[in-house]
Amino acid sequence: MKLTISRKLLLGYLFMALLTVLASAYALLSLQKLSSVAYNITNHHFVLMENSKKLMDILLAQESVEKKYLILKDLELEQIFWQRSNEFKEELSRASKLKLDHKTINAVAQMDALQNRLRELFSEEILMVQNGQFREAQAISDTAGRATIDDMAVKLRDIQKNMDQAINDEMNLIARQGRAAVNMTMGLGLLSLILGITLALIVTRNISKPLKQLQKATRFIADGNLDHKIEARRDDEIGALAKSFAHMTKRLKVLEALNLDASPLTGLPGNLAIENRIEQLLAQGKSFSLCQVDLDNFKPFADKYGYAWGSEVIKEVANLLSGYITEAQLTDMFLGHIGGDDYVVIGNPDAVESVCKKLVIDFENRILSFYAPQDSQNGYFIGKNRQGIIQKFPLITITAAIVTDDGSRFKNPLDMARLVAELKEYAKMMPGSNYVTEEYVEKRKLSHPQNLQSTLEPNKC
């Protein structure tokens, strides 16, 4: 067959097309590998890293309770120790369900055995304390107990170190694979230039440019720059990988911010997440309610019964609110912990008010279990005020204030939160546990203006 110019060009184009197909296939395969590595980082390594941090917090809390028990011999501290131990084993069980290597699996199994050993040692300490053998119990705590806790802490730190190293290694792997894909693609593109510069430039621009962006993005992300933006508006695997990177970066940034902002006591979102949710709902223009929940007479209670027991009250309120939301399947309901004994509930107005009604009723019964029987029966307890004077204090009550808007009155979360705080201060003047809405307070202003003038400023919204 005679090779005409058209046939030569055709053969040249076919050869170039073959090189282009090979280049694209190599690039797509590399991109799929990169996407797989990115998925592994966000869904396994990072999750295990957060899990190990939570286990370390629980272990430290467990150790603190054990030390306090040997000093105070308080049965309530004994119950808290077992509760922390159960939380540790539950969290360890969640970790074992992740994708783990052989070394980490062994570490998890060893920590489970060490936790069982710690429970046995604490049981021995309890018996010794009950028999008056305080020094022997302290000796067990300082030797075998200390060694067991140290072993678990070392293993947790090893897991964190291994996960951190694994994340760095896989981020570096992404960078290397990205560079290799770029180099191979550009090499094949140069060969294609022999048969057609124009098409080769199109291939180079169409494939190498987004790969270079992803390569650059991997270095930025590996260096901890989570604000770097990845732009690749495509509907193919390159675009999917770019979206995966963008989603991974956004998710890591959100998790990092929420992890720093979340309450270490309740695990609920903190002020940053609360403010973001209010801003989103105000911008959407959809009607929603902001409710602030606060405990009354909590400070005297904590002074008498101790910080640890006061923390249990705070967690009990969080559990009550979470239980209502879960029971009613309120998926759009947001629950946050401002700090201390203050909480925030954000959601559909009717649902928020329903939650407040249940909370006010249930709390009156739940709080009694946190007091000594005599104090609970009396309806008050004896303690010292801030001046050191002994006096009677009422039992803890709960107060909630609700403000509703659709973005037409409040332009920012601060203004809305300010009105909620004012309503809450009014509700605190009412006896017992209560919740108030803005409409209720407005009616009270009309019927008893003299009682509200010094308590609540006029609504300027």
Protein backbone atom coordinates (compact mmCIF):
# COMPACT_ATOMS: atom_id res chain seq x y z
CA MET A 1 0.00 0.00 0.00
CA LYS A 2 1.33 3.35 -1.07
CA LEU A 3 1.81 5.76 1.81
CA THR A 4 0.19 8.94 0.65
CA ILE A 5 0.46 12.15 2.55
CA SER A 6 -3.08 11.75 3.82
CA ARG A 7 -2.34 8.20 4.92
CA LYS A 8 0.88 9.29 6.57
CA LEU A 9 -1.00 12.02 8.33
CA LEU A 10 -3.67 9.52 9.22
CA LEU A 11 -1.10 7.08 10.56
CA GLY A 12 0.58 9.90 12.38
CA TYR A 13 -2.71 10.99 13.92
CA LEU A 14 -3.53 7.39 14.80
CA PHE A 15 -0.16 6.99 16.47
CA MET A 16 -0.64 10.29 18.29
CA ALA A 17 -4.14 9.19 19.25
CA LEU A 18 -2.67 5.99 20.65
CA LEU A 19 -0.15 7.96 22.67
CA THR A 20 -2.95 10.22 23.84
CA VAL A 21 -5.02 7.23 24.91
CA LEU A 22 -2.04 5.79 26.76
CA ALA A 23 -1.34 9.11 28.45
CA SER A 24 -4.98 9.53 29.47
CA ALA A 25 -5.20 5.97 30.76
CA TYR A 26 -2.08 6.43 32.85
CA ALA A 27 -3.32 9.75 34.22
CA LEU A 28 -6.75 8.37 35.11
CA LEU A 29 -5.22 5.34 36.81
CA SER A 30 -2.97 7.61 38.85
CA LEU A 31 -5.91 9.83 39.73
CA GLN A 32 -7.92 6.85 40.91
CA LYS A 33 -5.03 5.81 43.14
CA LEU A 34 -4.79 9.34 44.52
CA SER A 35 -8.53 9.42 45.19
CA SER A 36 -8.28 6.09 47.01
CA VAL A 37 -5.43 7.37 49.19
CA ALA A 38 -7.36 10.58 49.99
CA TYR A 39 -10.41 8.50 50.95
CA ASN A 40 -8.28 6.33 53.23
CA ILE A 41 -6.89 9.41 55.00
CA THR A 42 -10.27 11.01 55.74
CA ASN A 43 -12.23 7.84 56.57
CA HIS A 44 -9.64 5.76 58.44
CA HIS A 45 -6.45 7.46 59.59
CA PHE A 46 -8.01 10.74 60.68
CA VAL A 47 -10.92 8.97 62.39
CA LEU A 48 -8.51 6.68 64.29
CA MET A 49 -6.42 9.71 65.27
CA GLU A 50 -9.48 11.42 66.79
CA ASN A 51 -10.55 8.16 68.43
CA SER A 52 -7.14 7.75 70.13
CA LYS A 53 -7.29 11.33 71.44
CA LYS A 54 -10.72 10.66 72.93
CA LEU A 55 -9.43 7.44 74.53
CA MET A 56 -6.54 9.38 76.07
CA ASP A 57 -8.96 11.95 77.54
CA ILE A 58 -11.13 9.18 79.01
CA LEU A 59 -8.06 7.42 80.46
CA LEU A 60 -6.84 10.61 82.13
CA ALA A 61 -10.31 11.24 83.56
CA GLN A 62 -10.43 7.65 84.82
CA GLU A 63 -7.05 8.05 86.53
CA SER A 64 -8.17 11.32 88.14
CA VAL A 65 -11.35 9.72 89.53
CA GLU A 66 -9.36 6.77 90.90
CA LYS A 67 -6.98 9.13 92.75
CA LYS A 68 -9.85 11.17 94.15
CA TYR A 69 -11.60 8.01 95.35
CA LEU A 70 -8.57 6.92 97.40
CA ILE A 71 -8.58 10.34 99.07
CA LEU A 72 -12.32 10.96 99.50
CA LYS A 73 -13.62 7.34 99.66
CA ASP A 74 -16.78 8.58 97.92
CA LEU A 75 -19.08 5.93 96.43
CA GLU A 76 -20.16 8.38 93.75
CA LEU A 77 -16.57 8.59 92.53
CA GLU A 78 -16.51 4.80 92.40
CA GLN A 79 -19.54 4.87 90.09
CA ILE A 80 -17.89 7.53 87.91
CA PHE A 81 -14.77 5.33 87.60
CA TRP A 82 -16.83 2.40 86.28
CA GLN A 83 -18.67 4.74 83.93
CA ARG A 84 -15.37 6.03 82.52
CA SER A 85 -14.12 2.46 82.19
CA ASN A 86 -17.22 1.49 80.19
CA GLU A 87 -16.79 4.55 77.99
CA PHE A 88 -13.17 3.54 77.35
CA LYS A 89 -14.16 0.02 76.30
CA GLU A 90 -16.98 1.31 74.08
CA GLU A 91 -14.63 3.73 72.34
CA LEU A 92 -12.05 0.96 71.99
CA SER A 93 -14.72 -1.23 70.38
CA ARG A 94 -15.44 1.50 67.83
CA ALA A 95 -11.75 1.75 67.02
CA SER A 96 -11.51 -2.01 66.41
CA LYS A 97 -14.15 -1.72 63.66
CA LEU A 98 -11.95 0.59 61.59
CA LYS A 99 -9.53 -0.52 58.92
CA LEU A 100 -6.45 -1.32 61.05
CA ASP A 101 -3.05 -2.80 60.39
CA HIS A 102 -1.80 -5.82 62.33
CA LYS A 103 0.24 -3.72 64.75
CA THR A 104 -2.69 -1.47 65.63
CA ILE A 105 -5.01 -4.46 66.04
CA ASN A 106 -2.59 -5.93 68.59
CA ALA A 107 -2.35 -2.57 70.38
CA VAL A 108 -6.15 -2.35 70.64
CA ALA A 109 -6.36 -5.89 72.02
CA GLN A 110 -3.59 -5.17 74.54
CA MET A 111 -5.32 -1.96 75.70
CA ASP A 112 -8.54 -3.91 76.22
CA ALA A 113 -6.64 -6.39 78.39
CA LEU A 114 -4.92 -3.56 80.28
CA GLN A 115 -8.28 -1.88 80.90
CA ASN A 116 -9.59 -5.15 82.35
CA ARG A 117 -6.46 -5.29 84.53
CA LEU A 118 -7.09 -1.71 85.69
CA ARG A 119 -10.66 -2.63 86.63
CA GLU A 120 -9.37 -5.59 88.66
CA LEU A 121 -6.86 -3.38 90.47
CA PHE A 122 -9.54 -0.81 91.26
CA SER A 123 -11.79 -3.55 92.63
CA GLU A 124 -8.93 -4.61 94.92
CA GLU A 125 -8.48 -1.00 96.03
CA ILE A 126 -12.19 -0.76 96.85
CA LEU A 127 -12.00 -3.87 99.07
CA MET A 128 -8.92 -2.53 100.83
CA VAL A 129 -10.54 0.84 101.43
CA GLN A 130 -13.63 -0.88 102.83
CA ASN A 131 -11.36 -2.90 105.16
CA GLY A 132 -9.46 0.19 106.25
CA GLN A 133 -6.26 -0.81 104.38
CA PHE A 134 -5.74 2.65 102.93
CA ARG A 135 -1.97 2.45 102.58
CA GLU A 136 -2.13 -0.87 100.79
CA ALA A 137 -4.74 0.52 98.37
CA GLN A 138 -2.57 3.56 97.71
CA ALA A 139 0.42 1.30 97.13
CA ILE A 140 -1.47 -0.65 94.45
CA SER A 141 -2.51 2.61 92.81
CA ASP A 142 1.05 3.96 92.79
CA THR A 143 2.65 0.77 91.46
CA ALA A 144 0.52 -1.64 89.45
CA GLY A 145 -2.20 0.91 88.69
CA ARG A 146 0.27 3.56 87.60
CA ALA A 147 2.16 1.07 85.42
CA THR A 148 -1.05 -0.14 83.76
CA ILE A 149 -2.19 3.40 82.95
CA ASP A 150 1.26 4.28 81.65
CA ASP A 151 1.23 1.23 79.38
CA MET A 152 -2.14 2.25 77.91
CA ALA A 153 -0.99 5.86 77.52
CA VAL A 154 2.15 4.72 75.69
CA LYS A 155 0.12 2.57 73.31
CA LEU A 156 -2.30 5.42 72.63
CA ARG A 157 0.57 7.79 71.93
CA ASP A 158 2.11 5.18 69.63
CA ILE A 159 -1.17 4.90 67.71
CA GLN A 160 -1.37 8.69 67.38
CA LYS A 161 2.24 8.84 66.25
CA ASN A 162 1.70 6.02 63.74
CA MET A 163 -1.44 7.62 62.35
CA ASP A 164 0.28 10.99 62.05
CA GLN A 165 3.16 9.33 60.23
CA ALA A 166 0.76 7.37 58.02
CA ILE A 167 -1.08 10.56 57.04
CA ASN A 168 2.20 12.30 56.21
CA ASP A 169 3.42 9.28 54.24
CA GLU A 170 0.22 9.04 52.22
CA MET A 171 0.18 12.78 51.55
CA ASN A 172 3.76 12.47 50.28
CA LEU A 173 2.67 9.46 48.22
CA ILE A 174 -0.06 11.57 46.64
CA ALA A 175 2.53 14.22 45.79
CA ARG A 176 4.92 11.66 44.29
CA GLN A 177 2.21 9.94 42.25
CA GLY A 178 0.96 13.32 41.06
CA ARG A 179 4.44 14.31 39.91
CA ALA A 180 4.95 10.94 38.23
CA ALA A 181 1.62 11.27 36.42
CA VAL A 182 2.51 14.76 35.24
CA ASN A 183 5.96 13.71 34.04
CA MET A 184 4.65 10.67 32.16
CA THR A 185 1.79 12.61 30.59
CA MET A 186 4.09 15.42 29.47
CA GLY A 187 6.57 12.89 28.06
CA LEU A 188 3.91 11.21 25.98
CA GLY A 189 2.67 14.61 24.95
CA LEU A 190 6.10 15.58 23.64
CA LEU A 191 6.17 12.45 21.49
CA SER A 192 2.78 13.40 20.16
CA LEU A 193 4.18 16.78 19.08
CA ILE A 194 6.09 14.97 16.26
CA LEU A 195 2.80 14.22 14.52
CA GLY A 196 0.74 17.20 15.55
CA ILE A 197 1.80 20.20 17.64
CA THR A 198 -1.69 21.59 17.90
CA LEU A 199 -3.28 18.43 19.22
CA ALA A 200 -0.31 17.82 21.48
CA LEU A 201 -0.75 21.27 23.03
CA ILE A 202 -4.44 20.54 23.56
CA VAL A 203 -3.58 17.23 25.23
CA THR A 204 -0.91 18.87 27.39
CA ARG A 205 -3.23 21.68 28.41
CA ASN A 206 -6.17 19.37 28.96
CA ILE A 207 -4.32 16.89 31.18
CA SER A 208 -1.09 18.35 32.57
CA LYS A 209 -2.51 21.63 33.86
CA PRO A 210 -5.05 20.17 36.29
CA LEU A 211 -2.51 17.55 37.37
CA LYS A 212 -0.02 20.30 38.17
CA GLN A 213 -2.69 22.05 40.22
CA LEU A 214 -3.38 18.86 42.14
CA GLN A 215 0.33 18.25 42.60
CA LYS A 216 0.71 21.75 44.00
CA ALA A 217 -2.37 21.25 46.17
CA THR A 218 -0.96 18.05 47.67
CA ARG A 219 2.16 19.90 48.78
CA PHE A 220 0.11 22.71 50.32
CA ILE A 221 -2.17 20.28 52.13
CA ALA A 222 0.78 18.16 53.27
CA ASP A 223 2.29 21.34 54.75
CA GLY A 224 -0.95 22.01 56.68
CA ASN A 225 -2.26 24.83 54.46
CA LEU A 226 -5.95 23.91 54.54
CA ASP A 227 -7.04 27.26 53.03
CA HIS A 228 -5.53 26.47 49.62
CA LYS A 229 -8.26 26.36 46.95
CA ILE A 230 -8.33 23.72 44.23
CA GLU A 231 -10.02 24.81 40.99
CA ALA A 232 -10.70 22.19 38.32
CA ARG A 233 -14.12 22.56 36.73
CA ARG A 234 -14.38 19.22 34.97
CA ASP A 235 -16.83 16.34 34.88
CA ASP A 236 -14.23 13.57 34.54
CA GLU A 237 -11.96 11.78 37.01
CA ILE A 238 -9.69 14.82 37.26
CA GLY A 239 -12.64 16.92 38.34
CA ALA A 240 -13.77 14.17 40.73
CA LEU A 241 -10.32 14.06 42.31
CA ALA A 242 -10.26 17.84 42.56
CA LYS A 243 -13.65 17.74 44.26
CA SER A 244 -12.40 14.99 46.56
CA PHE A 245 -9.39 17.11 47.47
CA ALA A 246 -11.57 20.17 48.01
CA HIS A 247 -14.02 18.16 50.10
CA MET A 248 -11.18 16.58 52.07
CA THR A 249 -9.58 19.97 52.72
CA LYS A 250 -12.89 21.53 53.74
CA ARG A 251 -13.74 18.58 55.94
CA LEU A 252 -10.32 18.58 57.63
CA LYS A 253 -10.62 22.30 58.26
CA VAL A 254 -14.13 21.97 59.70
CA LEU A 255 -13.14 19.01 61.86
CA GLU A 256 -10.05 20.85 63.08
CA ALA A 257 -12.07 23.94 64.00
CA LEU A 258 -14.91 21.98 65.61
CA ASN A 259 -12.49 19.74 67.49
CA LEU A 260 -10.83 22.80 69.02
CA ASP A 261 -14.16 24.50 69.69
CA ALA A 262 -16.25 21.56 70.92
CA SER A 263 -16.95 21.13 74.62
CA PRO A 264 -14.53 18.58 76.13
CA LEU A 265 -17.15 17.71 78.76
CA THR A 266 -20.24 17.03 76.61
CA GLY A 267 -18.66 16.70 73.17
CA LEU A 268 -21.29 19.14 71.84
CA PRO A 269 -20.43 21.87 69.30
CA GLY A 270 -19.16 25.12 70.83
CA ASN A 271 -19.51 28.83 70.11
CA LEU A 272 -18.01 28.74 66.61
CA ALA A 273 -20.42 26.08 65.36
CA ILE A 274 -23.36 27.80 67.10
CA GLU A 275 -22.62 31.14 65.46
CA ASN A 276 -22.19 29.51 62.04
CA ARG A 277 -25.55 27.72 62.32
CA ILE A 278 -27.39 30.93 63.28
CA GLU A 279 -25.76 32.83 60.41
CA GLN A 280 -26.77 30.13 57.94
CA LEU A 281 -30.41 30.10 59.07
CA LEU A 282 -30.67 33.90 59.08
CA ALA A 283 -29.30 33.98 55.53
CA GLN A 284 -31.77 31.31 54.36
CA GLY A 285 -34.74 33.39 55.48
CA LYS A 286 -36.48 30.38 56.97
CA SER A 287 -38.27 30.66 60.30
CA PHE A 288 -36.37 29.07 63.19
CA SER A 289 -36.08 29.40 66.95
CA LEU A 290 -32.98 30.06 69.05
CA CYS A 291 -33.26 28.75 72.61
CA GLN A 292 -30.74 29.29 75.41
CA VAL A 293 -30.89 26.89 78.36
CA ASP A 294 -29.26 27.75 81.68
CA LEU A 295 -29.04 26.17 85.13
CA ASP A 296 -29.99 28.25 88.17
CA ASN A 297 -28.26 27.87 91.57
CA PHE A 298 -25.58 25.69 89.98
CA LYS A 299 -22.56 27.45 91.54
CA PRO A 300 -23.53 26.76 95.19
CA PHE A 301 -24.31 23.14 94.24
CA ALA A 302 -20.86 22.66 92.66
CA ASP A 303 -19.18 24.30 95.67
CA LYS A 304 -20.79 21.81 98.03
CA TYR A 305 -20.90 18.60 95.99
CA GLY A 306 -17.70 19.10 94.05
CA TYR A 307 -16.66 19.86 90.49
CA ALA A 308 -16.84 16.25 89.32
CA TRP A 309 -20.43 15.82 90.45
CA GLY A 310 -21.34 19.21 89.01
CA SER A 311 -19.95 18.02 85.68
CA GLU A 312 -22.31 15.04 85.85
CA VAL A 313 -25.27 17.44 86.14
CA ILE A 314 -24.04 19.34 83.08
CA LYS A 315 -23.73 16.09 81.12
CA GLU A 316 -27.16 14.95 82.33
CA VAL A 317 -28.79 18.05 80.83
CA ALA A 318 -26.91 17.45 77.56
CA ASN A 319 -28.09 13.82 77.57
CA LEU A 320 -31.69 14.87 78.17
CA LEU A 321 -31.64 17.31 75.25
CA SER A 322 -29.88 14.83 72.97
CA GLY A 323 -32.40 12.15 73.94
CA TYR A 324 -35.36 14.34 73.00
CA ILE A 325 -33.83 15.13 69.63
CA THR A 326 -33.02 11.49 68.90
CA GLU A 327 -36.38 10.20 70.12
CA ALA A 328 -38.33 12.63 67.93
CA GLN A 329 -35.91 12.12 65.00
CA LEU A 330 -35.32 15.86 64.74
CA THR A 331 -32.50 15.61 62.19
CA ASP A 332 -32.49 19.38 61.55
CA MET A 333 -32.29 20.23 65.26
CA PHE A 334 -28.95 21.68 66.42
CA LEU A 335 -27.70 21.25 70.00
CA GLY A 336 -24.68 23.22 71.24
CA HIS A 337 -22.81 23.81 74.51
CA ILE A 338 -21.76 27.41 75.07
CA GLY A 339 -19.78 26.39 78.14
CA GLY A 340 -20.37 25.81 81.82
CA ASP A 341 -24.08 25.27 82.41
CA ASP A 342 -25.30 27.08 79.27
CA TYR A 343 -26.70 25.27 76.20
CA VAL A 344 -28.22 26.29 72.89
CA VAL A 345 -31.01 24.59 70.92
CA ILE A 346 -31.72 25.73 67.34
CA GLY A 347 -34.43 24.39 65.07
CA ASN A 348 -38.06 24.43 64.01
CA PRO A 349 -40.05 26.73 66.37
CA ASP A 350 -42.65 24.10 67.34
CA ALA A 351 -40.00 21.43 67.87
CA VAL A 352 -37.83 23.74 70.00
CA GLU A 353 -40.75 24.67 72.25
CA SER A 354 -41.72 20.99 72.58
CA VAL A 355 -38.18 20.14 73.69
CA CYS A 356 -38.25 22.94 76.27
CA LYS A 357 -41.57 21.71 77.69
CA LYS A 358 -40.20 18.21 78.17
CA LEU A 359 -36.94 19.49 79.63
CA VAL A 360 -38.64 21.67 82.25
CA ILE A 361 -40.83 18.76 83.38
CA ASP A 362 -38.20 16.03 83.35
CA PHE A 363 -35.45 18.09 84.93
CA GLU A 364 -37.42 18.67 88.14
CA ASN A 365 -37.40 14.89 88.73
CA ARG A 366 -33.91 14.11 87.43
CA ILE A 367 -32.09 16.71 89.51
CA LEU A 368 -33.29 15.20 92.79
CA SER A 369 -31.09 12.15 92.25
CA PHE A 370 -27.98 14.32 92.32
CA TYR A 371 -28.61 15.54 95.88
CA ALA A 372 -28.16 13.78 99.18
CA PRO A 373 -31.49 12.24 100.31
CA GLN A 374 -31.91 14.75 103.13
CA ASP A 375 -31.27 17.75 100.85
CA SER A 376 -33.63 16.36 98.24
CA GLN A 377 -36.36 15.84 100.84
CA ASN A 378 -35.88 19.34 102.33
CA GLY A 379 -35.98 21.05 98.95
CA TYR A 380 -32.82 23.00 99.79
CA PHE A 381 -29.30 22.45 101.09
CA ILE A 382 -26.98 24.22 103.49
CA GLY A 383 -23.80 25.73 102.09
CA LYS A 384 -21.49 28.73 102.14
CA ASN A 385 -21.99 31.74 99.93
CA ARG A 386 -19.17 33.68 98.31
CA GLN A 387 -18.56 35.57 101.53
CA GLY A 388 -18.14 32.31 103.44
CA ILE A 389 -21.44 32.71 105.31
CA ILE A 390 -23.53 29.57 105.81
CA GLN A 391 -27.03 29.84 104.35
CA LYS A 392 -29.81 27.90 102.66
CA PHE A 393 -29.69 27.44 98.89
CA PRO A 394 -32.58 26.26 96.72
CA LEU A 395 -32.22 23.20 94.53
CA ILE A 396 -31.03 23.62 90.95
CA THR A 397 -33.70 24.68 88.50
CA ILE A 398 -33.54 25.15 84.76
CA THR A 399 -34.43 28.18 82.65
CA ALA A 400 -34.92 28.41 78.90
CA ALA A 401 -35.65 31.41 76.68
CA ILE A 402 -36.81 31.20 73.05
CA VAL A 403 -36.59 33.80 70.26
CA THR A 404 -37.91 33.13 66.74
CA ASP A 405 -36.96 34.85 63.49
CA ASP A 406 -36.76 34.31 59.73
CA GLY A 407 -33.92 36.72 59.04
CA SER A 408 -36.17 39.77 58.77
CA ARG A 409 -35.38 41.26 62.20
CA PHE A 410 -31.90 40.13 63.17
CA LYS A 411 -28.99 40.71 60.84
CA ASN A 412 -26.40 38.78 62.84
CA PRO A 413 -26.21 36.13 65.60
CA LEU A 414 -25.08 38.66 68.20
CA ASP A 415 -28.31 40.67 68.10
CA MET A 416 -30.44 37.55 68.32
CA ALA A 417 -28.37 36.11 71.18
CA ARG A 418 -28.60 39.41 73.07
CA LEU A 419 -32.41 39.30 73.09
CA VAL A 420 -32.40 35.64 74.16
CA ALA A 421 -30.14 36.56 77.09
CA GLU A 422 -32.54 39.32 78.14
CA LEU A 423 -35.52 36.96 78.04
CA LYS A 424 -33.56 34.41 80.04
CA GLU A 425 -32.82 36.95 82.79
CA TYR A 426 -36.52 37.66 83.05
CA ALA A 427 -37.35 33.95 83.24
CA LYS A 428 -34.83 33.50 86.05
CA MET A 429 -36.98 35.75 88.25
CA MET A 430 -39.81 33.22 88.01
CA PRO A 431 -39.92 30.44 90.62
CA GLY A 432 -38.92 26.87 89.71
CA SER A 433 -37.96 25.63 86.27
CA ASN A 434 -39.46 27.59 83.40
CA TYR A 435 -39.17 28.47 79.75
CA VAL A 436 -40.38 31.69 78.14
CA THR A 437 -40.95 32.85 74.59
CA GLU A 438 -40.76 36.36 73.24
CA GLU A 439 -44.55 36.42 72.82
CA TYR A 440 -45.09 35.44 76.44
CA VAL A 441 -42.83 38.23 77.70
CA GLU A 442 -44.51 40.77 75.42
CA LYS A 443 -47.89 39.88 76.98
CA ARG A 444 -46.39 40.25 80.45
CA LYS A 445 -45.05 43.67 79.46
CA LEU A 446 -48.55 44.78 78.58
CA SER A 447 -50.14 43.39 81.75
CA HIS A 448 -47.31 44.09 84.27
CA PRO A 449 -45.12 46.83 82.79
CA GLN A 450 -43.86 47.94 86.22
CA ASN A 451 -42.38 44.46 86.90
CA LEU A 452 -40.56 44.33 83.59
CA GLN A 453 -39.17 47.82 83.28
CA SER A 454 -36.11 47.14 85.44
CA THR A 455 -35.63 43.59 84.16
CA LEU A 456 -36.05 43.65 80.41
CA GLU A 457 -35.19 46.50 78.05
CA PRO A 458 -37.73 47.33 75.31
CA ASN A 459 -37.44 45.22 72.16
CA LYS A 460 -35.58 47.31 69.59
CA CYS A 461 -35.51 44.67 66.84
